[in-house]
Structures are given as C-alpha cells and as structure tokens.
PDB file of N, CA and C in Angstrom:
ATOM      1  N   MET A   1     108.555 105.932 111.502  1.00  0.00           N
ATOM      2  CA  MET A   1     107.724 106.983 110.409  1.00  0.00           C
ATOM      3  C   MET A   1     106.584 106.190 110.208  1.00  0.00           C
ATOM      4  N   ARG A   2     105.902 107.143 109.738  1.00  0.00           N
ATOM      5  CA  ARG A   2     104.530 107.511 109.764  1.00  0.00           C
ATOM      6  C   ARG A   2     104.078 107.690 108.560  1.00  0.00           C
ATOM      7  N   THR A   3     103.661 106.568 107.699  1.00  0.00           N
ATOM      8  CA  THR A   3     103.051 106.284 106.270  1.00  0.00           C
ATOM      9  C   THR A   3     101.625 106.334 105.855  1.00  0.00           C
ATOM     10  N   GLU A   4     100.741 106.800 105.286  1.00  0.00           N
ATOM     11  CA  GLU A   4      99.296 106.944 105.145  1.00  0.00           C
ATOM     12  C   GLU A   4      98.858 105.907 104.379  1.00  0.00           C
ATOM     13  N   ILE A   5      98.579 104.392 104.421  1.00  0.00           N
ATOM     14  CA  ILE A   5      98.383 103.348 103.656  1.00  0.00           C
ATOM     15  C   ILE A   5      97.952 103.701 102.486  1.00  0.00           C
ATOM     16  N   SER A   6      96.845 104.368 102.217  1.00  0.00           N
ATOM     17  CA  SER A   6      96.560 104.902 100.659  1.00  0.00           C
ATOM     18  C   SER A   6      97.436 106.281  99.615  1.00  0.00           C
ATOM     19  N   GLU A   7      99.090 105.978 100.484  1.00  0.00           N
ATOM     20  CA  GLU A   7     100.500 106.072  99.637  1.00  0.00           C
ATOM     21  C   GLU A   7     100.978 105.376  99.355  1.00  0.00           C
ATOM     22  N   CYS A   8     100.567 104.303  99.478  1.00  0.00           N
ATOM     23  CA  CYS A   8     101.266 102.991  99.187  1.00  0.00           C
ATOM     24  C   CYS A   8     101.414 102.431  97.562  1.00  0.00           C
ATOM     25  N   PRO A   9     102.103 102.421  97.101  1.00  0.00           N
ATOM     26  CA  PRO A   9     101.658 102.019  95.258  1.00  0.00           C
ATOM     27  C   PRO A   9     101.367 100.592  95.197  1.00  0.00           C
ATOM     28  N   ARG A  10     101.759  99.798  96.445  1.00  0.00           N
ATOM     29  CA  ARG A  10     101.129  98.195  96.372  1.00  0.00           C
ATOM     30  C   ARG A  10     100.851  97.776  97.669  1.00  0.00           C
ATOM     31  N   ILE A  11      99.525  97.313  97.939  1.00  0.00           N
ATOM     32  CA  ILE A  11      99.567  97.192  99.350  1.00  0.00           C
ATOM     33  C   ILE A  11      98.710  95.452  99.345  1.00  0.00           C
ATOM     34  N   SER A  12      99.430  94.617 100.226  1.00  0.00           N
ATOM     35  CA  SER A  12      99.157  93.584 100.079  1.00  0.00           C
ATOM     36  C   SER A  12      97.692  92.920 100.860  1.00  0.00           C
ATOM     37  N   GLN A  13      97.119  92.011 100.918  1.00  0.00           N
ATOM     38  CA  GLN A  13      95.740  91.702 101.602  1.00  0.00           C
ATOM     39  C   GLN A  13      96.341  92.113 102.955  1.00  0.00           C
ATOM     40  N   SER A  14      95.500  92.323 104.282  1.00  0.00           N
ATOM     41  CA  SER A  14      95.765  92.431 105.987  1.00  0.00           C
ATOM     42  C   SER A  14      96.070  90.944 106.348  1.00  0.00           C
ATOM     43  N   THR A  15      96.596  90.869 107.318  1.00  0.00           N
ATOM     44  CA  THR A  15      97.476  90.145 108.136  1.00  0.00           C
ATOM     45  C   THR A  15      97.279  90.382 109.224  1.00  0.00           C
ATOM     46  N   ARG A  16      96.874  89.238 110.260  1.00  0.00           N
ATOM     47  CA  ARG A  16      97.825  89.187 111.898  1.00  0.00           C
ATOM     48  C   ARG A  16      98.850  90.011 112.220  1.00  0.00           C
ATOM     49  N   LEU A  17      99.539  90.407 113.059  1.00  0.00           N
ATOM     50  CA  LEU A  17     100.613  90.421 113.391  1.00  0.00           C
ATOM     51  C   LEU A  17     101.340  89.511 113.798  1.00  0.00           C
ATOM     52  N   SER A  18     100.745  88.383 114.443  1.00  0.00           N
ATOM     53  CA  SER A  18     101.087  86.949 114.845  1.00  0.00           C
ATOM     54  C   SER A  18     101.433  86.232 113.834  1.00  0.00           C
ATOM     55  N   ASP A  19     101.325  86.622 112.928  1.00  0.00           N
ATOM     56  CA  ASP A  19     101.898  85.800 111.213  1.00  0.00           C
ATOM     57  C   ASP A  19     102.645  86.079 110.403  1.00  0.00           C
ATOM     58  N   VAL A  20     103.646  87.485 111.497  1.00  0.00           N
ATOM     59  CA  VAL A  20     104.765  87.964 110.669  1.00  0.00           C
ATOM     60  C   VAL A  20     105.597  87.416 111.051  1.00  0.00           C
ATOM     61  N   GLY A  21     106.943  86.775 110.282  1.00  0.00           N
ATOM     62  CA  GLY A  21     107.834  86.759 111.104  1.00  0.00           C
ATOM     63  C   GLY A  21     108.646  87.914 111.437  1.00  0.00           C
ATOM     64  N   ALA A  22     109.625  87.579 112.577  1.00  0.00           N
ATOM     65  CA  ALA A  22     110.956  88.188 112.898  1.00  0.00           C
ATOM     66  C   ALA A  22     111.522  88.791 111.794  1.00  0.00           C
ATOM     67  N   GLY A  23     111.439  89.975 111.913  1.00  0.00           N
ATOM     68  CA  GLY A  23     112.618  90.495 110.833  1.00  0.00           C
ATOM     69  C   GLY A  23     111.865  91.513 109.830  1.00  0.00           C
ATOM     70  N   ARG A  24     110.584  91.174 109.339  1.00  0.00           N
ATOM     71  CA  ARG A  24     109.935  91.848 108.754  1.00  0.00           C
ATOM     72  C   ARG A  24     109.620  92.921 109.069  1.00  0.00           C
ATOM     73  N   THR A  25     109.279  93.843 108.494  1.00  0.00           N
ATOM     74  CA  THR A  25     108.594  95.515 108.316  1.00  0.00           C
ATOM     75  C   THR A  25     107.147  95.365 108.296  1.00  0.00           C
ATOM     76  N   VAL A  26     106.093  95.710 108.511  1.00  0.00           N
ATOM     77  CA  VAL A  26     104.944  96.113 107.671  1.00  0.00           C
ATOM     78  C   VAL A  26     104.243  97.705 108.438  1.00  0.00           C
ATOM     79  N   LEU A  27     102.986  97.991 107.708  1.00  0.00           N
ATOM     80  CA  LEU A  27     102.095  98.913 107.875  1.00  0.00           C
ATOM     81  C   LEU A  27     101.252  98.511 109.046  1.00  0.00           C
ATOM     82  N   ILE A  28     100.942  99.186 109.835  1.00  0.00           N
ATOM     83  CA  ILE A  28      99.753  98.898 110.687  1.00  0.00           C
ATOM     84  C   ILE A  28      98.682  99.469 110.193  1.00  0.00           C
ATOM     85  N   GLY A  29      97.536  98.217 109.898  1.00  0.00           N
ATOM     86  CA  GLY A  29      96.935  98.933 109.591  1.00  0.00           C
ATOM     87  C   GLY A  29      95.021  98.910 110.628  1.00  0.00           C
ATOM     88  N   SER A  30      95.207  98.469 111.567  1.00  0.00           N
ATOM     89  CA  SER A  30      94.623  97.981 112.383  1.00  0.00           C
ATOM     90  C   SER A  30      94.414  98.065 113.921  1.00  0.00           C
ATOM     91  N   VAL A  31      94.296  98.220 114.697  1.00  0.00           N
ATOM     92  CA  VAL A  31      93.772  97.632 116.153  1.00  0.00           C
ATOM     93  C   VAL A  31      92.724  97.419 116.686  1.00  0.00           C
ATOM     94  N   GLU A  32      92.106  95.958 116.824  1.00  0.00           N
ATOM     95  CA  GLU A  32      90.812  96.014 117.538  1.00  0.00           C
ATOM     96  C   GLU A  32      91.233  94.834 118.530  1.00  0.00           C
ATOM     97  N   ALA A  33      91.933  95.243 119.912  1.00  0.00           N
ATOM     98  CA  ALA A  33      91.837  94.927 121.080  1.00  0.00           C
ATOM     99  C   ALA A  33      91.458  95.469 122.427  1.00  0.00           C
ATOM    100  N   GLY A  34      90.450  96.461 122.064  1.00  0.00           N
ATOM    101  CA  GLY A  34      89.062  96.566 122.943  1.00  0.00           C
ATOM    102  C   GLY A  34      89.944  97.475 124.265  1.00  0.00           C
ATOM    103  N   HIS A  35      90.173  97.624 125.180  1.00  0.00           N
ATOM    104  CA  HIS A  35      90.860  98.128 126.003  1.00  0.00           C
ATOM    105  C   HIS A  35      92.612  97.962 125.690  1.00  0.00           C
ATOM    106  N   ASP A  36      92.584  96.622 125.670  1.00  0.00           N
ATOM    107  CA  ASP A  36      94.267  96.542 125.471  1.00  0.00           C
ATOM    108  C   ASP A  36      94.793  97.699 124.054  1.00  0.00           C
ATOM    109  N   GLY A  37      93.921  97.524 123.091  1.00  0.00           N
ATOM    110  CA  GLY A  37      94.215  98.675 122.404  1.00  0.00           C
ATOM    111  C   GLY A  37      94.243 100.415 122.497  1.00  0.00           C
ATOM    112  N   SER A  38      93.546 100.727 123.700  1.00  0.00           N
ATOM    113  CA  SER A  38      93.698 101.675 123.595  1.00  0.00           C
ATOM    114  C   SER A  38      94.983 102.201 124.644  1.00  0.00           C
ATOM    115  N   ARG A  39      95.903 100.437 125.308  1.00  0.00           N
ATOM    116  CA  ARG A  39      97.115 101.312 125.697  1.00  0.00           C
ATOM    117  C   ARG A  39      98.285 100.529 124.698  1.00  0.00           C
ATOM    118  N   LEU A  40      98.238  99.963 123.258  1.00  0.00           N
ATOM    119  CA  LEU A  40      98.864  99.835 122.741  1.00  0.00           C
ATOM    120  C   LEU A  40      99.127 101.065 121.782  1.00  0.00           C
ATOM    121  N   GLU A  41      97.973 101.848 121.198  1.00  0.00           N
ATOM    122  CA  GLU A  41      98.019 103.344 120.941  1.00  0.00           C
ATOM    123  C   GLU A  41      98.761 103.903 121.799  1.00  0.00           C
ATOM    124  N   GLU A  42      99.100 103.902 123.159  1.00  0.00           N
ATOM    125  CA  GLU A  42      99.440 104.759 123.662  1.00  0.00           C
ATOM    126  C   GLU A  42     100.661 104.560 123.406  1.00  0.00           C
ATOM    127  N   LEU A  43     101.231 103.378 123.405  1.00  0.00           N
ATOM    128  CA  LEU A  43     102.903 102.703 122.949  1.00  0.00           C
ATOM    129  C   LEU A  43     103.211 102.980 121.512  1.00  0.00           C
ATOM    130  N   GLY A  44     101.888 103.291 120.845  1.00  0.00           N
ATOM    131  CA  GLY A  44     102.624 104.154 119.268  1.00  0.00           C
ATOM    132  C   GLY A  44     102.265 102.978 118.365  1.00  0.00           C
ATOM    133  N   LEU A  45     101.484 102.224 118.477  1.00  0.00           N
ATOM    134  CA  LEU A  45     101.197 100.694 117.459  1.00  0.00           C
ATOM    135  C   LEU A  45      99.894 101.500 117.227  1.00  0.00           C
ATOM    136  N   THR A  46      99.878 103.024 116.410  1.00  0.00           N
ATOM    137  CA  THR A  46      98.865 103.487 115.746  1.00  0.00           C
ATOM    138  C   THR A  46      98.677 103.036 113.785  1.00  0.00           C
ATOM    139  N   PRO A  47      97.497 103.228 113.443  1.00  0.00           N
ATOM    140  CA  PRO A  47      97.401 102.831 112.050  1.00  0.00           C
ATOM    141  C   PRO A  47      97.878 103.827 111.301  1.00  0.00           C
ATOM    142  N   GLY A  48      98.788 103.003 109.898  1.00  0.00           N
ATOM    143  CA  GLY A  48      99.565 103.954 109.468  1.00  0.00           C
ATOM    144  C   GLY A  48     101.244 103.909 110.007  1.00  0.00           C
ATOM    145  N   GLU A  49     101.248 103.185 110.928  1.00  0.00           N
ATOM    146  CA  GLU A  49     102.896 103.470 111.436  1.00  0.00           C
ATOM    147  C   GLU A  49     103.288 102.375 111.219  1.00  0.00           C
ATOM    148  N   GLU A  50     104.845 102.478 110.885  1.00  0.00           N
ATOM    149  CA  GLU A  50     105.629 101.235 110.505  1.00  0.00           C
ATOM    150  C   GLU A  50     106.258 100.813 111.813  1.00  0.00           C
ATOM    151  N   LEU A  51     106.163  99.494 111.135  1.00  0.00           N
ATOM    152  CA  LEU A  51     106.551  98.496 112.170  1.00  0.00           C
ATOM    153  C   LEU A  51     107.691  97.278 112.437  1.00  0.00           C
ATOM    154  N   ARG A  52     109.010  96.702 113.077  1.00  0.00           N
ATOM    155  CA  ARG A  52     109.425  96.008 112.809  1.00  0.00           C
ATOM    156  C   ARG A  52     109.292  94.537 113.565  1.00  0.00           C
ATOM    157  N   VAL A  53     109.584  93.173 113.298  1.00  0.00           N
ATOM    158  CA  VAL A  53     108.856  92.130 114.341  1.00  0.00           C
ATOM    159  C   VAL A  53     109.996  92.178 114.833  1.00  0.00           C
ATOM    160  N   ILE A  54     110.806  91.951 115.693  1.00  0.00           N
ATOM    161  CA  ILE A  54     111.715  91.578 116.270  1.00  0.00           C
ATOM    162  C   ILE A  54     111.377  90.355 117.031  1.00  0.00           C
ATOM    163  N   ARG A  55     110.456  89.326 117.779  1.00  0.00           N
ATOM    164  CA  ARG A  55     110.352  88.449 118.218  1.00  0.00           C
ATOM    165  C   ARG A  55     108.792  88.191 118.066  1.00  0.00           C
ATOM    166  N   ASN A  56     108.624  86.947 117.314  1.00  0.00           N
ATOM    167  CA  ASN A  56     107.153  86.191 116.977  1.00  0.00           C
ATOM    168  C   ASN A  56     107.282  85.385 118.007  1.00  0.00           C
ATOM    169  N   SER A  57     107.034  85.105 119.509  1.00  0.00           N
ATOM    170  CA  SER A  57     106.858  84.330 120.419  1.00  0.00           C
ATOM    171  C   SER A  57     106.233  85.078 121.365  1.00  0.00           C
ATOM    172  N   ASP A  58     106.102  84.381 122.730  1.00  0.00           N
ATOM    173  CA  ASP A  58     105.677  85.108 123.627  1.00  0.00           C
ATOM    174  C   ASP A  58     106.781  85.405 124.656  1.00  0.00           C
ATOM    175  N   PRO A  59     107.125  86.666 125.169  1.00  0.00           N
ATOM    176  CA  PRO A  59     106.295  87.444 124.505  1.00  0.00           C
ATOM    177  C   PRO A  59     106.778  88.088 122.784  1.00  0.00           C
ATOM    178  N   PHE A  60     105.740  88.805 122.787  1.00  0.00           N
ATOM    179  CA  PHE A  60     105.850  89.301 120.930  1.00  0.00           C
ATOM    180  C   PHE A  60     106.835  90.340 121.430  1.00  0.00           C
ATOM    181  N   LEU A  61     107.677  90.849 120.816  1.00  0.00           N
ATOM    182  CA  LEU A  61     108.334  91.942 120.659  1.00  0.00           C
ATOM    183  C   LEU A  61     108.693  92.503 119.182  1.00  0.00           C
ATOM    184  N   CYS A  62     108.171  94.004 119.027  1.00  0.00           N
ATOM    185  CA  CYS A  62     108.610  94.911 117.872  1.00  0.00           C
ATOM    186  C   CYS A  62     108.974  96.027 118.245  1.00  0.00           C
ATOM    187  N   GLN A  63     109.486  96.612 117.073  1.00  0.00           N
ATOM    188  CA  GLN A  63     109.905  97.906 116.859  1.00  0.00           C
ATOM    189  C   GLN A  63     109.162  98.539 116.334  1.00  0.00           C
ATOM    190  N   ILE A  64     108.694 100.074 117.085  1.00  0.00           N
ATOM    191  CA  ILE A  64     107.863 101.435 116.298  1.00  0.00           C
ATOM    192  C   ILE A  64     109.380 102.514 116.395  1.00  0.00           C
ATOM    193  N   GLY A  65     109.706 102.928 115.355  1.00  0.00           N
ATOM    194  CA  GLY A  65     110.983 103.872 115.526  1.00  0.00           C
ATOM    195  C   GLY A  65     111.991 103.740 116.168  1.00  0.00           C
ATOM    196  N   GLN A  66     112.415 103.896 117.189  1.00  0.00           N
ATOM    197  CA  GLN A  66     113.343 103.991 118.179  1.00  0.00           C
ATOM    198  C   GLN A  66     113.136 103.000 119.385  1.00  0.00           C
ATOM    199  N   SER A  67     111.787 103.012 119.385  1.00  0.00           N
ATOM    200  CA  SER A  67     111.414 101.948 120.845  1.00  0.00           C
ATOM    201  C   SER A  67     111.335 100.851 120.805  1.00  0.00           C
ATOM    202  N   ARG A  68     111.325 100.289 121.627  1.00  0.00           N
ATOM    203  CA  ARG A  68     110.560  98.726 121.700  1.00  0.00           C
ATOM    204  C   ARG A  68     109.371  98.444 122.367  1.00  0.00           C
ATOM    205  N   VAL A  69     108.489  97.544 121.835  1.00  0.00           N
ATOM    206  CA  VAL A  69     107.300  97.265 122.450  1.00  0.00           C
ATOM    207  C   VAL A  69     106.962  96.033 122.692  1.00  0.00           C
ATOM    208  N   GLY A  70     106.863  95.514 124.020  1.00  0.00           N
ATOM    209  CA  GLY A  70     106.584  94.028 123.898  1.00  0.00           C
ATOM    210  C   GLY A  70     105.217  93.663 124.659  1.00  0.00           C
ATOM    211  N   PHE A  71     104.271  92.812 124.657  1.00  0.00           N
ATOM    212  CA  PHE A  71     102.949  91.941 124.703  1.00  0.00           C
ATOM    213  C   PHE A  71     102.951  90.929 124.310  1.00  0.00           C
ATOM    214  N   ARG A  72     102.020  90.206 125.163  1.00  0.00           N
ATOM    215  CA  ARG A  72     101.540  88.604 124.814  1.00  0.00           C
ATOM    216  C   ARG A  72     101.061  88.471 123.512  1.00  0.00           C
ATOM    217  N   ARG A  73     101.711  87.832 123.034  1.00  0.00           N
ATOM    218  CA  ARG A  73     101.472  87.429 121.732  1.00  0.00           C
ATOM    219  C   ARG A  73      99.935  86.998 120.997  1.00  0.00           C
ATOM    220  N   ALA A  74      99.074  86.656 121.777  1.00  0.00           N
ATOM    221  CA  ALA A  74      97.418  86.074 121.891  1.00  0.00           C
ATOM    222  C   ALA A  74      97.500  87.769 120.931  1.00  0.00           C
ATOM    223  N   LEU A  75      97.701  88.995 122.241  1.00  0.00           N
ATOM    224  CA  LEU A  75      97.569  90.175 121.485  1.00  0.00           C
ATOM    225  C   LEU A  75      97.742  90.305 119.894  1.00  0.00           C
ATOM    226  N   ALA A  76      98.543  89.838 119.819  1.00  0.00           N
ATOM    227  CA  ALA A  76      99.116  90.276 118.653  1.00  0.00           C
ATOM    228  C   ALA A  76      98.018  89.469 117.103  1.00  0.00           C
ATOM    229  N   THR A  77      97.343  88.885 117.798  1.00  0.00           N
ATOM    230  CA  THR A  77      96.578  88.330 116.362  1.00  0.00           C
ATOM    231  C   THR A  77      95.428  89.534 116.556  1.00  0.00           C
ATOM    232  N   GLU A  78      95.309  90.698 117.393  1.00  0.00           N
ATOM    233  CA  GLU A  78      94.264  91.097 117.153  1.00  0.00           C
ATOM    234  C   GLU A  78      94.403  92.904 116.638  1.00  0.00           C
ATOM    235  N   ILE A  79      95.852  93.063 116.142  1.00  0.00           N
ATOM    236  CA  ILE A  79      96.448  93.493 115.490  1.00  0.00           C
ATOM    237  C   ILE A  79      96.559  93.365 113.471  1.00  0.00           C
ATOM    238  N   PHE A  80      96.049  93.872 112.721  1.00  0.00           N
ATOM    239  CA  PHE A  80      95.974  93.895 111.199  1.00  0.00           C
ATOM    240  C   PHE A  80      97.244  94.476 110.908  1.00  0.00           C
ATOM    241  N   VAL A  81      98.593  94.007 109.863  1.00  0.00           N
ATOM    242  CA  VAL A  81      99.301  94.972 109.303  1.00  0.00           C
ATOM    243  C   VAL A  81      98.919  94.842 107.529  1.00  0.00           C
ATOM    244  N   TYR A  82      99.761  95.425 107.416  1.00  0.00           N
ATOM    245  CA  TYR A  82     100.363  95.690 106.043  1.00  0.00           C
ATOM    246  C   TYR A  82     101.627  95.214 105.129  1.00  0.00           C
ATOM    247  N   ASP A  83     101.779  94.344 103.866  1.00  0.00           N
ATOM    248  CA  ASP A  83     102.957  94.460 103.697  1.00  0.00           C
ATOM    249  C   ASP A  83     103.026  96.162 103.034  1.00  0.00           C
ATOM    250  N   CYS A  84     103.939  97.103 102.816  1.00  0.00           N
ATOM    251  CA  CYS A  84     104.122  98.186 101.576  1.00  0.00           C
ATOM    252  C   CYS A  84     105.645  98.257 100.668  1.00  0.00           C
ATOM    253  N   LEU A  85     105.246  98.484 100.170  1.00  0.00           N
ATOM    254  CA  LEU A  85     106.539  98.833  98.902  1.00  0.00           C
ATOM    255  C   LEU A  85     106.343 100.143  98.598  1.00  0.00           C
ATOM    256  N   LEU A  86     107.121 100.363  99.495  1.00  0.00           N
ATOM    257  CA  LEU A  86     107.466 102.039  99.235  1.00  0.00           C
ATOM    258  C   LEU A  86     108.882 102.408  98.209  1.00  0.00           C
TER     259      LEU A  86
END
C-alpha cells in the first residue's frame, strides 16, 4: 500500500530501518544507499511504501505488499523510515 508521507495525520522523526523491531510496520522515507539503493527501489523499497519488518538480523527480512525482500542488515542502516498513524 502506497501512502504519501504528507497524508499522515501524525508522523514520527525518521529512524533507520535497522533500528525497527520485528513485527513493526513503517513507511519508507528515503533510501540513501547509492548503487544498492537503485536495486532496492527496483524491489519495491520506494519512499511512501509501507514496509513490515519480519526479521531484524543478518540477513534483514521485510515484507512490502505480498513480497518479502531480504538484504544485508548493514544496508538497512541506509534506509530511513517513519511511523505513521493512519
């Protein structure tokens, strides 16, 4: 589900995806991972997308829509997310 960040009634400060616990759902704010960022965006990690953390270890595992995506946990430090109360 794509939600524009500006549509959220209340938004938290951005935090690194690597700091989000398993089971939490957040909105992607930005992906600042250079070349790896382009690949992550191809996999659906784009600003405004809702993401659920499945596992916060190595490898990091998350769900976007019906897809699960895994990547190095170090890469999750370069993805910034927001809590959004819809």
